Amino acid sequence: AGVTTGDASWLLGGKPSDKPAGYGMGLSGVYATTVLVVLILYPL
């Protein structure tokens, strides 16, 4: 959120209704994030 919209305050205690329009990613981004999370957490 900080990189794409410049504001992540709505994720840090703000209201969820403050989410900027168009925030998010496509299905391929979700799959890539899933792989990234699994790879990061494996050593831990």
PDB file of all heavy atoms in Angstrom:
ATOM      1  N   ALA A   1       0.837  -1.204   0.000  1.00  0.00           N
ATOM      2  CA  ALA A   1       0.000   0.000   0.000  1.00  0.00           C
ATOM      3  C   ALA A   1       0.868   1.248   0.000  1.00  0.00           C
ATOM      4  O   ALA A   1       0.552   2.230  -0.683  1.00  0.00           O
ATOM      5  CB  ALA A   1      -0.928   0.003   1.211  1.00  0.00           C
ATOM      6  N   GLY A   2       1.957   1.223   0.742  1.00  0.00           N
ATOM      7  CA  GLY A   2       2.839   2.375   0.767  1.00  0.00           C
ATOM      8  C   GLY A   2       3.484   2.646  -0.579  1.00  0.00           C
ATOM      9  O   GLY A   2       3.620   3.789  -0.999  1.00  0.00           O
ATOM     10  N   VAL A   3       3.846   1.587  -1.294  1.00  0.00           N
ATOM     11  CA  VAL A   3       4.501   1.748  -2.593  1.00  0.00           C
ATOM     12  C   VAL A   3       3.496   2.146  -3.678  1.00  0.00           C
ATOM     13  O   VAL A   3       3.767   3.020  -4.496  1.00  0.00           O
ATOM     14  CB  VAL A   3       5.236   0.443  -2.991  1.00  0.00           C
ATOM     15  CG1 VAL A   3       5.674   0.466  -4.433  1.00  0.00           C
ATOM     16  CG2 VAL A   3       6.425   0.213  -2.076  1.00  0.00           C
ATOM     17  N   THR A   4       2.329   1.502  -3.686  1.00  0.00           N
ATOM     18  CA  THR A   4       1.377   1.740  -4.781  1.00  0.00           C
ATOM     19  C   THR A   4       0.516   2.981  -4.588  1.00  0.00           C
ATOM     20  O   THR A   4       0.185   3.651  -5.566  1.00  0.00           O
ATOM     21  CB  THR A   4       0.458   0.524  -4.988  1.00  0.00           C
ATOM     22  OG1 THR A   4      -0.239   0.247  -3.771  1.00  0.00           O
ATOM     23  CG2 THR A   4       1.251  -0.684  -5.424  1.00  0.00           C
ATOM     24  N   THR A   5       0.127   3.275  -3.344  1.00  0.00           N
ATOM     25  CA  THR A   5      -0.769   4.411  -3.122  1.00  0.00           C
ATOM     26  C   THR A   5      -0.123   5.540  -2.337  1.00  0.00           C
ATOM     27  O   THR A   5      -0.670   6.635  -2.286  1.00  0.00           O
ATOM     28  CB  THR A   5      -2.044   3.970  -2.373  1.00  0.00           C
ATOM     29  OG1 THR A   5      -1.682   3.544  -1.062  1.00  0.00           O
ATOM     30  CG2 THR A   5      -2.763   2.863  -3.108  1.00  0.00           C
ATOM     31  N   GLY A   6       0.993   5.268  -1.690  1.00  0.00           N
ATOM     32  CA  GLY A   6       1.657   6.287  -0.890  1.00  0.00           C
ATOM     33  C   GLY A   6       1.068   6.458   0.495  1.00  0.00           C
ATOM     34  O   GLY A   6       1.544   7.274   1.269  1.00  0.00           O
ATOM     35  N   ASP A   7       0.025   5.703   0.822  1.00  0.00           N
ATOM     36  CA  ASP A   7      -0.613   5.837   2.131  1.00  0.00           C
ATOM     37  C   ASP A   7      -1.078   4.468   2.598  1.00  0.00           C
ATOM     38  O   ASP A   7      -1.881   3.817   1.927  1.00  0.00           O
ATOM     39  CB  ASP A   7      -1.799   6.786   2.049  1.00  0.00           C
ATOM     40  CG  ASP A   7      -2.511   6.945   3.383  1.00  0.00           C
ATOM     41  OD1 ASP A   7      -1.834   6.877   4.423  1.00  0.00           O
ATOM     42  OD2 ASP A   7      -3.738   7.129   3.364  1.00  0.00           O
ATOM     43  N   ALA A   8      -0.581   4.041   3.748  1.00  0.00           N
ATOM     44  CA  ALA A   8      -0.993   2.760   4.315  1.00  0.00           C
ATOM     45  C   ALA A   8      -1.651   2.940   5.672  1.00  0.00           C
ATOM     46  O   ALA A   8      -1.800   1.981   6.420  1.00  0.00           O
ATOM     47  CB  ALA A   8       0.214   1.838   4.431  1.00  0.00           C
ATOM     48  N   SER A   9      -2.069   4.156   5.983  1.00  0.00           N
ATOM     49  CA  SER A   9      -2.634   4.426   7.308  1.00  0.00           C
ATOM     50  C   SER A   9      -3.923   3.644   7.551  1.00  0.00           C
ATOM     51  O   SER A   9      -4.206   3.276   8.690  1.00  0.00           O
ATOM     52  CB  SER A   9      -2.889   5.918   7.473  1.00  0.00           C
ATOM     53  OG  SER A   9      -3.834   6.367   6.521  1.00  0.00           O
ATOM     54  N   TRP A  10      -4.663   3.368   6.515  1.00  0.00           N
ATOM     55  CA  TRP A  10      -5.911   2.620   6.691  1.00  0.00           C
ATOM     56  C   TRP A  10      -5.639   1.173   7.074  1.00  0.00           C
ATOM     57  O   TRP A  10      -6.518   0.494   7.609  1.00  0.00           O
ATOM     58  CB  TRP A  10      -6.765   2.705   5.432  1.00  0.00           C
ATOM     59  CG  TRP A  10      -6.093   2.174   4.216  1.00  0.00           C
ATOM     60  CD1 TRP A  10      -5.221   2.832   3.397  1.00  0.00           C
ATOM     61  CD2 TRP A  10      -6.206   0.856   3.692  1.00  0.00           C
ATOM     62  NE1 TRP A  10      -4.793   2.017   2.395  1.00  0.00           N
ATOM     63  CE2 TRP A  10      -5.381   0.785   2.553  1.00  0.00           C
ATOM     64  CE3 TRP A  10      -6.931  -0.269   4.062  1.00  0.00           C
ATOM     65  CZ2 TRP A  10      -5.252  -0.365   1.783  1.00  0.00           C
ATOM     66  CZ3 TRP A  10      -6.810  -1.413   3.301  1.00  0.00           C
ATOM     67  CH2 TRP A  10      -5.985  -1.451   2.182  1.00  0.00           C
ATOM     68  N   LEU A  11      -4.414   0.686   6.869  1.00  0.00           N
ATOM     69  CA  LEU A  11      -4.031  -0.659   7.307  1.00  0.00           C
ATOM     70  C   LEU A  11      -3.423  -0.661   8.702  1.00  0.00           C
ATOM     71  O   LEU A  11      -3.186  -1.709   9.279  1.00  0.00           O
ATOM     72  CB  LEU A  11      -3.016  -1.263   6.333  1.00  0.00           C
ATOM     73  CG  LEU A  11      -3.573  -1.732   5.001  1.00  0.00           C
ATOM     74  CD1 LEU A  11      -2.450  -2.037   4.031  1.00  0.00           C
ATOM     75  CD2 LEU A  11      -4.465  -2.934   5.192  1.00  0.00           C
ATOM     76  N   LEU A  12      -3.148   0.514   9.231  1.00  0.00           N
ATOM     77  CA  LEU A  12      -2.486   0.631  10.530  1.00  0.00           C
ATOM     78  C   LEU A  12      -3.388   1.275  11.561  1.00  0.00           C
ATOM     79  O   LEU A  12      -2.999   2.187  12.278  1.00  0.00           O
ATOM     80  CB  LEU A  12      -1.191   1.443  10.382  1.00  0.00           C
ATOM     81  CG  LEU A  12      -0.177   0.857   9.415  1.00  0.00           C
ATOM     82  CD1 LEU A  12       0.935   1.848   9.150  1.00  0.00           C
ATOM     83  CD2 LEU A  12       0.366  -0.443   9.956  1.00  0.00           C
ATOM     84  N   GLY A  13      -4.604   0.829  11.629  1.00  0.00           N
ATOM     85  CA  GLY A  13      -5.523   1.334  12.634  1.00  0.00           C
ATOM     86  C   GLY A  13      -6.580   2.275  12.104  1.00  0.00           C
ATOM     87  O   GLY A  13      -7.444   2.699  12.841  1.00  0.00           O
ATOM     88  N   GLY A  14      -6.493   2.619  10.856  1.00  0.00           N
ATOM     89  CA  GLY A  14      -7.523   3.472  10.265  1.00  0.00           C
ATOM     90  C   GLY A  14      -8.789   2.671   9.979  1.00  0.00           C
ATOM     91  O   GLY A  14      -8.892   1.496  10.281  1.00  0.00           O
ATOM     92  N   LYS A  15      -9.742   3.327   9.382  1.00  0.00           N
ATOM     93  CA  LYS A  15     -10.986   2.648   9.032  1.00  0.00           C
ATOM     94  C   LYS A  15     -10.808   1.892   7.715  1.00  0.00           C
ATOM     95  O   LYS A  15     -10.219   2.413   6.773  1.00  0.00           O
ATOM     96  CB  LYS A  15     -12.114   3.665   8.890  1.00  0.00           C
ATOM     97  CG  LYS A  15     -12.462   4.370  10.191  1.00  0.00           C
ATOM     98  CD  LYS A  15     -13.603   5.308   9.992  1.00  0.00           C
ATOM     99  CE  LYS A  15     -13.077   6.517   9.233  1.00  0.00           C
ATOM    100  NZ  LYS A  15     -14.022   7.588   9.067  1.00  0.00           N
ATOM    101  N   PRO A  16     -11.327   0.664   7.629  1.00  0.00           N
ATOM    102  CA  PRO A  16     -11.237  -0.077   6.367  1.00  0.00           C
ATOM    103  C   PRO A  16     -11.927   0.648   5.215  1.00  0.00           C
ATOM    104  O   PRO A  16     -11.586   0.439   4.056  1.00  0.00           O
ATOM    105  CB  PRO A  16     -11.935  -1.398   6.670  1.00  0.00           C
ATOM    106  CG  PRO A  16     -11.888  -1.540   8.148  1.00  0.00           C
ATOM    107  CD  PRO A  16     -11.897  -0.145   8.697  1.00  0.00           C
ATOM    108  N   SER A  17     -12.884   1.505   5.523  1.00  0.00           N
ATOM    109  CA  SER A  17     -13.579   2.236   4.454  1.00  0.00           C
ATOM    110  C   SER A  17     -12.671   3.284   3.809  1.00  0.00           C
ATOM    111  O   SER A  17     -13.010   3.842   2.773  1.00  0.00           O
ATOM    112  CB  SER A  17     -14.837   2.901   4.998  1.00  0.00           C
ATOM    113  OG  SER A  17     -14.493   3.820   6.026  1.00  0.00           O
ATOM    114  N   ASP A  18     -11.519   3.555   4.428  1.00  0.00           N
ATOM    115  CA  ASP A  18     -10.568   4.521   3.866  1.00  0.00           C
ATOM    116  C   ASP A  18      -9.693   3.907   2.769  1.00  0.00           C
ATOM    117  O   ASP A  18      -8.825   4.585   2.235  1.00  0.00           O
ATOM    118  CB  ASP A  18      -9.659   5.072   4.970  1.00  0.00           C
ATOM    119  CG  ASP A  18     -10.429   5.892   5.986  1.00  0.00           C
ATOM    120  OD1 ASP A  18     -11.527   6.364   5.642  1.00  0.00           O
ATOM    121  OD2 ASP A  18      -9.928   6.055   7.113  1.00  0.00           O
ATOM    122  N   LYS A  19      -9.912   2.646   2.472  1.00  0.00           N
ATOM    123  CA  LYS A  19      -9.105   1.970   1.451  1.00  0.00           C
ATOM    124  C   LYS A  19      -9.251   2.694   0.117  1.00  0.00           C
ATOM    125  O   LYS A  19     -10.361   2.982  -0.324  1.00  0.00           O
ATOM    126  CB  LYS A  19      -9.563   0.520   1.304  1.00  0.00           C
ATOM    127  CG  LYS A  19      -8.785  -0.265   0.270  1.00  0.00           C
ATOM    128  CD  LYS A  19      -9.236  -1.709   0.217  1.00  0.00           C
ATOM    129  CE  LYS A  19     -10.374  -1.838  -0.750  1.00  0.00           C
ATOM    130  NZ  LYS A  19     -10.695  -3.192  -1.116  1.00  0.00           N
ATOM    131  N   PRO A  20      -8.121   2.996  -0.524  1.00  0.00           N
ATOM    132  CA  PRO A  20      -8.192   3.708  -1.807  1.00  0.00           C
ATOM    133  C   PRO A  20      -8.851   2.859  -2.896  1.00  0.00           C
ATOM    134  O   PRO A  20      -8.706   1.639  -2.903  1.00  0.00           O
ATOM    135  CB  PRO A  20      -6.728   3.971  -2.165  1.00  0.00           C
ATOM    136  CG  PRO A  20      -5.933   3.627  -0.966  1.00  0.00           C
ATOM    137  CD  PRO A  20      -6.761   2.778  -0.091  1.00  0.00           C
ATOM    138  N   ALA A  21      -9.545   3.507  -3.780  1.00  0.00           N
ATOM    139  CA  ALA A  21     -10.168   2.798  -4.898  1.00  0.00           C
ATOM    140  C   ALA A  21      -9.083   2.214  -5.781  1.00  0.00           C
ATOM    141  O   ALA A  21      -8.065   2.842  -6.048  1.00  0.00           O
ATOM    142  CB  ALA A  21     -11.045   3.757  -5.701  1.00  0.00           C
ATOM    143  N   GLY A  22      -9.291   0.998  -6.215  1.00  0.00           N
ATOM    144  CA  GLY A  22      -8.342   0.351  -7.108  1.00  0.00           C
ATOM    145  C   GLY A  22      -7.179  -0.317  -6.403  1.00  0.00           C
ATOM    146  O   GLY A  22      -6.278  -0.838  -7.052  1.00  0.00           O
ATOM    147  N   TYR A  23      -7.167  -0.308  -5.071  1.00  0.00           N
ATOM    148  CA  TYR A  23      -6.078  -0.958  -4.349  1.00  0.00           C
ATOM    149  C   TYR A  23      -6.219  -2.468  -4.491  1.00  0.00           C
ATOM    150  O   TYR A  23      -7.295  -3.019  -4.373  1.00  0.00           O
ATOM    151  CB  TYR A  23      -6.105  -0.581  -2.871  1.00  0.00           C
ATOM    152  CG  TYR A  23      -5.129  -1.373  -2.034  1.00  0.00           C
ATOM    153  CD1 TYR A  23      -3.788  -1.078  -2.047  1.00  0.00           C
ATOM    154  CD2 TYR A  23      -5.556  -2.435  -1.258  1.00  0.00           C
ATOM    155  CE1 TYR A  23      -2.883  -1.798  -1.298  1.00  0.00           C
ATOM    156  CE2 TYR A  23      -4.670  -3.169  -0.500  1.00  0.00           C
ATOM    157  CZ  TYR A  23      -3.336  -2.842  -0.530  1.00  0.00           C
ATOM    158  OH  TYR A  23      -2.442  -3.571   0.212  1.00  0.00           O
ATOM    159  N   GLY A  24      -5.131  -3.130  -4.754  1.00  0.00           N
ATOM    160  CA  GLY A  24      -5.132  -4.578  -4.837  1.00  0.00           C
ATOM    161  C   GLY A  24      -4.243  -5.054  -5.961  1.00  0.00           C
ATOM    162  O   GLY A  24      -3.498  -4.282  -6.571  1.00  0.00           O
ATOM    163  N   MET A  25      -4.317  -6.335  -6.227  1.00  0.00           N
ATOM    164  CA  MET A  25      -3.518  -6.930  -7.295  1.00  0.00           C
ATOM    165  C   MET A  25      -4.317  -8.045  -7.941  1.00  0.00           C
ATOM    166  O   MET A  25      -5.298  -8.526  -7.381  1.00  0.00           O
ATOM    167  CB  MET A  25      -2.191  -7.457  -6.744  1.00  0.00           C
ATOM    168  CG  MET A  25      -2.320  -8.519  -5.690  1.00  0.00           C
ATOM    169  SD  MET A  25      -0.762  -9.183  -5.066  1.00  0.00           S
ATOM    170  CE  MET A  25      -0.079  -7.826  -4.212  1.00  0.00           C
ATOM    171  N   GLY A  26      -3.869  -8.451  -9.095  1.00  0.00           N
ATOM    172  CA  GLY A  26      -4.540  -9.514  -9.825  1.00  0.00           C
ATOM    173  C   GLY A  26      -4.217 -10.886  -9.256  1.00  0.00           C
ATOM    174  O   GLY A  26      -3.435 -11.035  -8.314  1.00  0.00           O
ATOM    175  N   LEU A  27      -4.800 -11.886  -9.872  1.00  0.00           N
ATOM    176  CA  LEU A  27      -4.628 -13.253  -9.396  1.00  0.00           C
ATOM    177  C   LEU A  27      -3.173 -13.698  -9.477  1.00  0.00           C
ATOM    178  O   LEU A  27      -2.677 -14.370  -8.570  1.00  0.00           O
ATOM    179  CB  LEU A  27      -5.519 -14.204 -10.203  1.00  0.00           C
ATOM    180  CG  LEU A  27      -5.592 -15.639  -9.709  1.00  0.00           C
ATOM    181  CD1 LEU A  27      -6.076 -15.698  -8.269  1.00  0.00           C
ATOM    182  CD2 LEU A  27      -6.498 -16.451 -10.615  1.00  0.00           C
ATOM    183  N   SER A  28      -2.472 -13.308 -10.520  1.00  0.00           N
ATOM    184  CA  SER A  28      -1.059 -13.689 -10.624  1.00  0.00           C
ATOM    185  C   SER A  28      -0.243 -13.047  -9.502  1.00  0.00           C
ATOM    186  O   SER A  28       0.690 -13.658  -8.976  1.00  0.00           O
ATOM    187  CB  SER A  28      -0.498 -13.300 -11.983  1.00  0.00           C
ATOM    188  OG  SER A  28      -0.598 -11.905 -12.176  1.00  0.00           O
ATOM    189  N   GLY A  29      -0.580 -11.844  -9.096  1.00  0.00           N
ATOM    190  CA  GLY A  29       0.084 -11.207  -7.973  1.00  0.00           C
ATOM    191  C   GLY A  29      -0.194 -11.917  -6.661  1.00  0.00           C
ATOM    192  O   GLY A  29       0.687 -12.030  -5.806  1.00  0.00           O
ATOM    193  N   VAL A  30      -1.417 -12.393  -6.510  1.00  0.00           N
ATOM    194  CA  VAL A  30      -1.770 -13.143  -5.303  1.00  0.00           C
ATOM    195  C   VAL A  30      -0.981 -14.453  -5.252  1.00  0.00           C
ATOM    196  O   VAL A  30      -0.450 -14.830  -4.205  1.00  0.00           O
ATOM    197  CB  VAL A  30      -3.292 -13.410  -5.242  1.00  0.00           C
ATOM    198  CG1 VAL A  30      -3.645 -14.336  -4.096  1.00  0.00           C
ATOM    199  CG2 VAL A  30      -4.048 -12.102  -5.113  1.00  0.00           C
ATOM    200  N   TYR A  31      -0.880 -15.149  -6.386  1.00  0.00           N
ATOM    201  CA  TYR A  31      -0.095 -16.391  -6.431  1.00  0.00           C
ATOM    202  C   TYR A  31       1.374 -16.112  -6.136  1.00  0.00           C
ATOM    203  O   TYR A  31       2.016 -16.861  -5.403  1.00  0.00           O
ATOM    204  CB  TYR A  31      -0.236 -17.075  -7.781  1.00  0.00           C
ATOM    205  CG  TYR A  31      -1.564 -17.760  -7.999  1.00  0.00           C
ATOM    206  CD1 TYR A  31      -2.078 -17.915  -9.271  1.00  0.00           C
ATOM    207  CD2 TYR A  31      -2.305 -18.258  -6.939  1.00  0.00           C
ATOM    208  CE1 TYR A  31      -3.281 -18.549  -9.487  1.00  0.00           C
ATOM    209  CE2 TYR A  31      -3.521 -18.879  -7.139  1.00  0.00           C
ATOM    210  CZ  TYR A  31      -4.000 -19.034  -8.416  1.00  0.00           C
ATOM    211  OH  TYR A  31      -5.198 -19.664  -8.624  1.00  0.00           O
ATOM    212  N   ALA A  32       1.914 -15.050  -6.703  1.00  0.00           N
ATOM    213  CA  ALA A  32       3.316 -14.699  -6.453  1.00  0.00           C
ATOM    214  C   ALA A  32       3.536 -14.361  -4.982  1.00  0.00           C
ATOM    215  O   ALA A  32       4.555 -14.759  -4.393  1.00  0.00           O
ATOM    216  CB  ALA A  32       3.729 -13.530  -7.340  1.00  0.00           C
ATOM    217  N   THR A  33       2.597 -13.664  -4.376  1.00  0.00           N
ATOM    218  CA  THR A  33       2.701 -13.337  -2.958  1.00  0.00           C
ATOM    219  C   THR A  33       2.633 -14.597  -2.100  1.00  0.00           C
ATOM    220  O   THR A  33       3.366 -14.725  -1.112  1.00  0.00           O
ATOM    221  CB  THR A  33       1.585 -12.356  -2.546  1.00  0.00           C
ATOM    222  OG1 THR A  33       1.664 -11.196  -3.380  1.00  0.00           O
ATOM    223  CG2 THR A  33       1.699 -11.958  -1.097  1.00  0.00           C
ATOM    224  N   THR A  34       1.777 -15.533  -2.479  1.00  0.00           N
ATOM    225  CA  THR A  34       1.683 -16.795  -1.746  1.00  0.00           C
ATOM    226  C   THR A  34       3.010 -17.537  -1.772  1.00  0.00           C
ATOM    227  O   THR A  34       3.493 -18.019  -0.746  1.00  0.00           O
ATOM    228  CB  THR A  34       0.571 -17.672  -2.345  1.00  0.00           C
ATOM    229  OG1 THR A  34      -0.666 -16.968  -2.273  1.00  0.00           O
ATOM    230  CG2 THR A  34       0.457 -19.001  -1.621  1.00  0.00           C
ATOM    231  N   VAL A  35       3.616 -17.626  -2.948  1.00  0.00           N
ATOM    232  CA  VAL A  35       4.911 -18.297  -3.074  1.00  0.00           C
ATOM    233  C   VAL A  35       5.969 -17.559  -2.253  1.00  0.00           C
ATOM    234  O   VAL A  35       6.780 -18.181  -1.554  1.00  0.00           O
ATOM    235  CB  VAL A  35       5.315 -18.409  -4.561  1.00  0.00           C
ATOM    236  CG1 VAL A  35       6.749 -18.870  -4.710  1.00  0.00           C
ATOM    237  CG2 VAL A  35       4.376 -19.342  -5.300  1.00  0.00           C
ATOM    238  N   LEU A  36       5.958 -16.248  -2.307  1.00  0.00           N
ATOM    239  CA  LEU A  36       6.912 -15.443  -1.548  1.00  0.00           C
ATOM    240  C   LEU A  36       6.777 -15.678  -0.051  1.00  0.00           C
ATOM    241  O   LEU A  36       7.777 -15.864   0.661  1.00  0.00           O
ATOM    242  CB  LEU A  36       6.725 -13.960  -1.872  1.00  0.00           C
ATOM    243  CG  LEU A  36       7.632 -12.991  -1.130  1.00  0.00           C
ATOM    244  CD1 LEU A  36       9.074 -13.156  -1.605  1.00  0.00           C
ATOM    245  CD2 LEU A  36       7.158 -11.570  -1.339  1.00  0.00           C
ATOM    246  N   VAL A  37       5.555 -15.698   0.448  1.00  0.00           N
ATOM    247  CA  VAL A  37       5.311 -15.913   1.878  1.00  0.00           C
ATOM    248  C   VAL A  37       5.806 -17.293   2.303  1.00  0.00           C
ATOM    249  O   VAL A  37       6.483 -17.443   3.331  1.00  0.00           O
ATOM    250  CB  VAL A  37       3.814 -15.723   2.216  1.00  0.00           C
ATOM    251  CG1 VAL A  37       3.480 -16.253   3.591  1.00  0.00           C
ATOM    252  CG2 VAL A  37       3.439 -14.261   2.111  1.00  0.00           C
ATOM    253  N   VAL A  38       5.513 -18.310   1.510  1.00  0.00           N
ATOM    254  CA  VAL A  38       5.951 -19.665   1.849  1.00  0.00           C
ATOM    255  C   VAL A  38       7.475 -19.754   1.842  1.00  0.00           C
ATOM    256  O   VAL A  38       8.082 -20.342   2.740  1.00  0.00           O
ATOM    257  CB  VAL A  38       5.317 -20.693   0.893  1.00  0.00           C
ATOM    258  CG1 VAL A  38       5.937 -22.070   1.071  1.00  0.00           C
ATOM    259  CG2 VAL A  38       3.813 -20.774   1.122  1.00  0.00           C
ATOM    260  N   LEU A  39       8.120 -19.147   0.860  1.00  0.00           N
ATOM    261  CA  LEU A  39       9.579 -19.182   0.787  1.00  0.00           C
ATOM    262  C   LEU A  39      10.230 -18.409   1.929  1.00  0.00           C
ATOM    263  O   LEU A  39      11.268 -18.826   2.450  1.00  0.00           O
ATOM    264  CB  LEU A  39      10.056 -18.639  -0.557  1.00  0.00           C
ATOM    265  CG  LEU A  39       9.759 -19.514  -1.771  1.00  0.00           C
ATOM    266  CD1 LEU A  39      10.192 -18.809  -3.054  1.00  0.00           C
ATOM    267  CD2 LEU A  39      10.412 -20.868  -1.649  1.00  0.00           C
ATOM    268  N   ILE A  40       9.646 -17.305   2.323  1.00  0.00           N
ATOM    269  CA  ILE A  40      10.192 -16.531   3.435  1.00  0.00           C
ATOM    270  C   ILE A  40      10.027 -17.282   4.753  1.00  0.00           C
ATOM    271  O   ILE A  40      10.928 -17.289   5.603  1.00  0.00           O
ATOM    272  CB  ILE A  40       9.535 -15.138   3.525  1.00  0.00           C
ATOM    273  CG1 ILE A  40       9.986 -14.267   2.352  1.00  0.00           C
ATOM    274  CG2 ILE A  40       9.844 -14.450   4.844  1.00  0.00           C
ATOM    275  CD1 ILE A  40       9.246 -12.951   2.254  1.00  0.00           C
ATOM    276  N   LEU A  41       8.889 -17.939   4.938  1.00  0.00           N
ATOM    277  CA  LEU A  41       8.617 -18.596   6.210  1.00  0.00           C
ATOM    278  C   LEU A  41       9.281 -19.960   6.347  1.00  0.00           C
ATOM    279  O   LEU A  41       9.395 -20.476   7.460  1.00  0.00           O
ATOM    280  CB  LEU A  41       7.107 -18.729   6.431  1.00  0.00           C
ATOM    281  CG  LEU A  41       6.381 -17.430   6.726  1.00  0.00           C
ATOM    282  CD1 LEU A  41       4.909 -17.680   6.940  1.00  0.00           C
ATOM    283  CD2 LEU A  41       6.983 -16.731   7.930  1.00  0.00           C
ATOM    284  N   TYR A  42       9.739 -20.554   5.244  1.00  0.00           N
ATOM    285  CA  TYR A  42      10.350 -21.885   5.339  1.00  0.00           C
ATOM    286  C   TYR A  42      11.546 -21.918   6.289  1.00  0.00           C
ATOM    287  O   TYR A  42      11.596 -22.783   7.174  1.00  0.00           O
ATOM    288  CB  TYR A  42      10.735 -22.423   3.962  1.00  0.00           C
ATOM    289  CG  TYR A  42      11.424 -23.756   4.049  1.00  0.00           C
ATOM    290  CD1 TYR A  42      10.693 -24.901   4.338  1.00  0.00           C
ATOM    291  CD2 TYR A  42      12.793 -23.869   3.888  1.00  0.00           C
ATOM    292  CE1 TYR A  42      11.314 -26.124   4.457  1.00  0.00           C
ATOM    293  CE2 TYR A  42      13.420 -25.091   4.002  1.00  0.00           C
ATOM    294  CZ  TYR A  42      12.685 -26.212   4.283  1.00  0.00           C
ATOM    295  OH  TYR A  42      13.293 -27.425   4.403  1.00  0.00           O
ATOM    296  N   PRO A  43      12.538 -21.031   6.153  1.00  0.00           N
ATOM    297  CA  PRO A  43      13.670 -21.102   7.090  1.00  0.00           C
ATOM    298  C   PRO A  43      13.251 -20.864   8.550  1.00  0.00           C
ATOM    299  O   PRO A  43      13.791 -21.494   9.462  1.00  0.00           O
ATOM    300  CB  PRO A  43      14.616 -19.993   6.626  1.00  0.00           C
ATOM    301  CG  PRO A  43      14.170 -19.613   5.278  1.00  0.00           C
ATOM    302  CD  PRO A  43      12.744 -19.992   5.144  1.00  0.00           C
ATOM    303  N   LEU A  44      12.286 -19.991   8.761  1.00  0.00           N
ATOM    304  CA  LEU A  44      11.802 -19.756  10.122  1.00  0.00           C
ATOM    305  C   LEU A  44      11.122 -21.006  10.686  1.00  0.00           C
ATOM    306  O   LEU A  44      11.342 -21.363  11.845  1.00  0.00           O
ATOM    307  CB  LEU A  44      10.823 -18.579  10.143  1.00  0.00           C
ATOM    308  CG  LEU A  44      11.398 -17.223   9.765  1.00  0.00           C
ATOM    309  CD1 LEU A  44      10.291 -16.196   9.653  1.00  0.00           C
ATOM    310  CD2 LEU A  44      12.428 -16.791  10.774  1.00  0.00           C
TER     311      LEU A  44
END
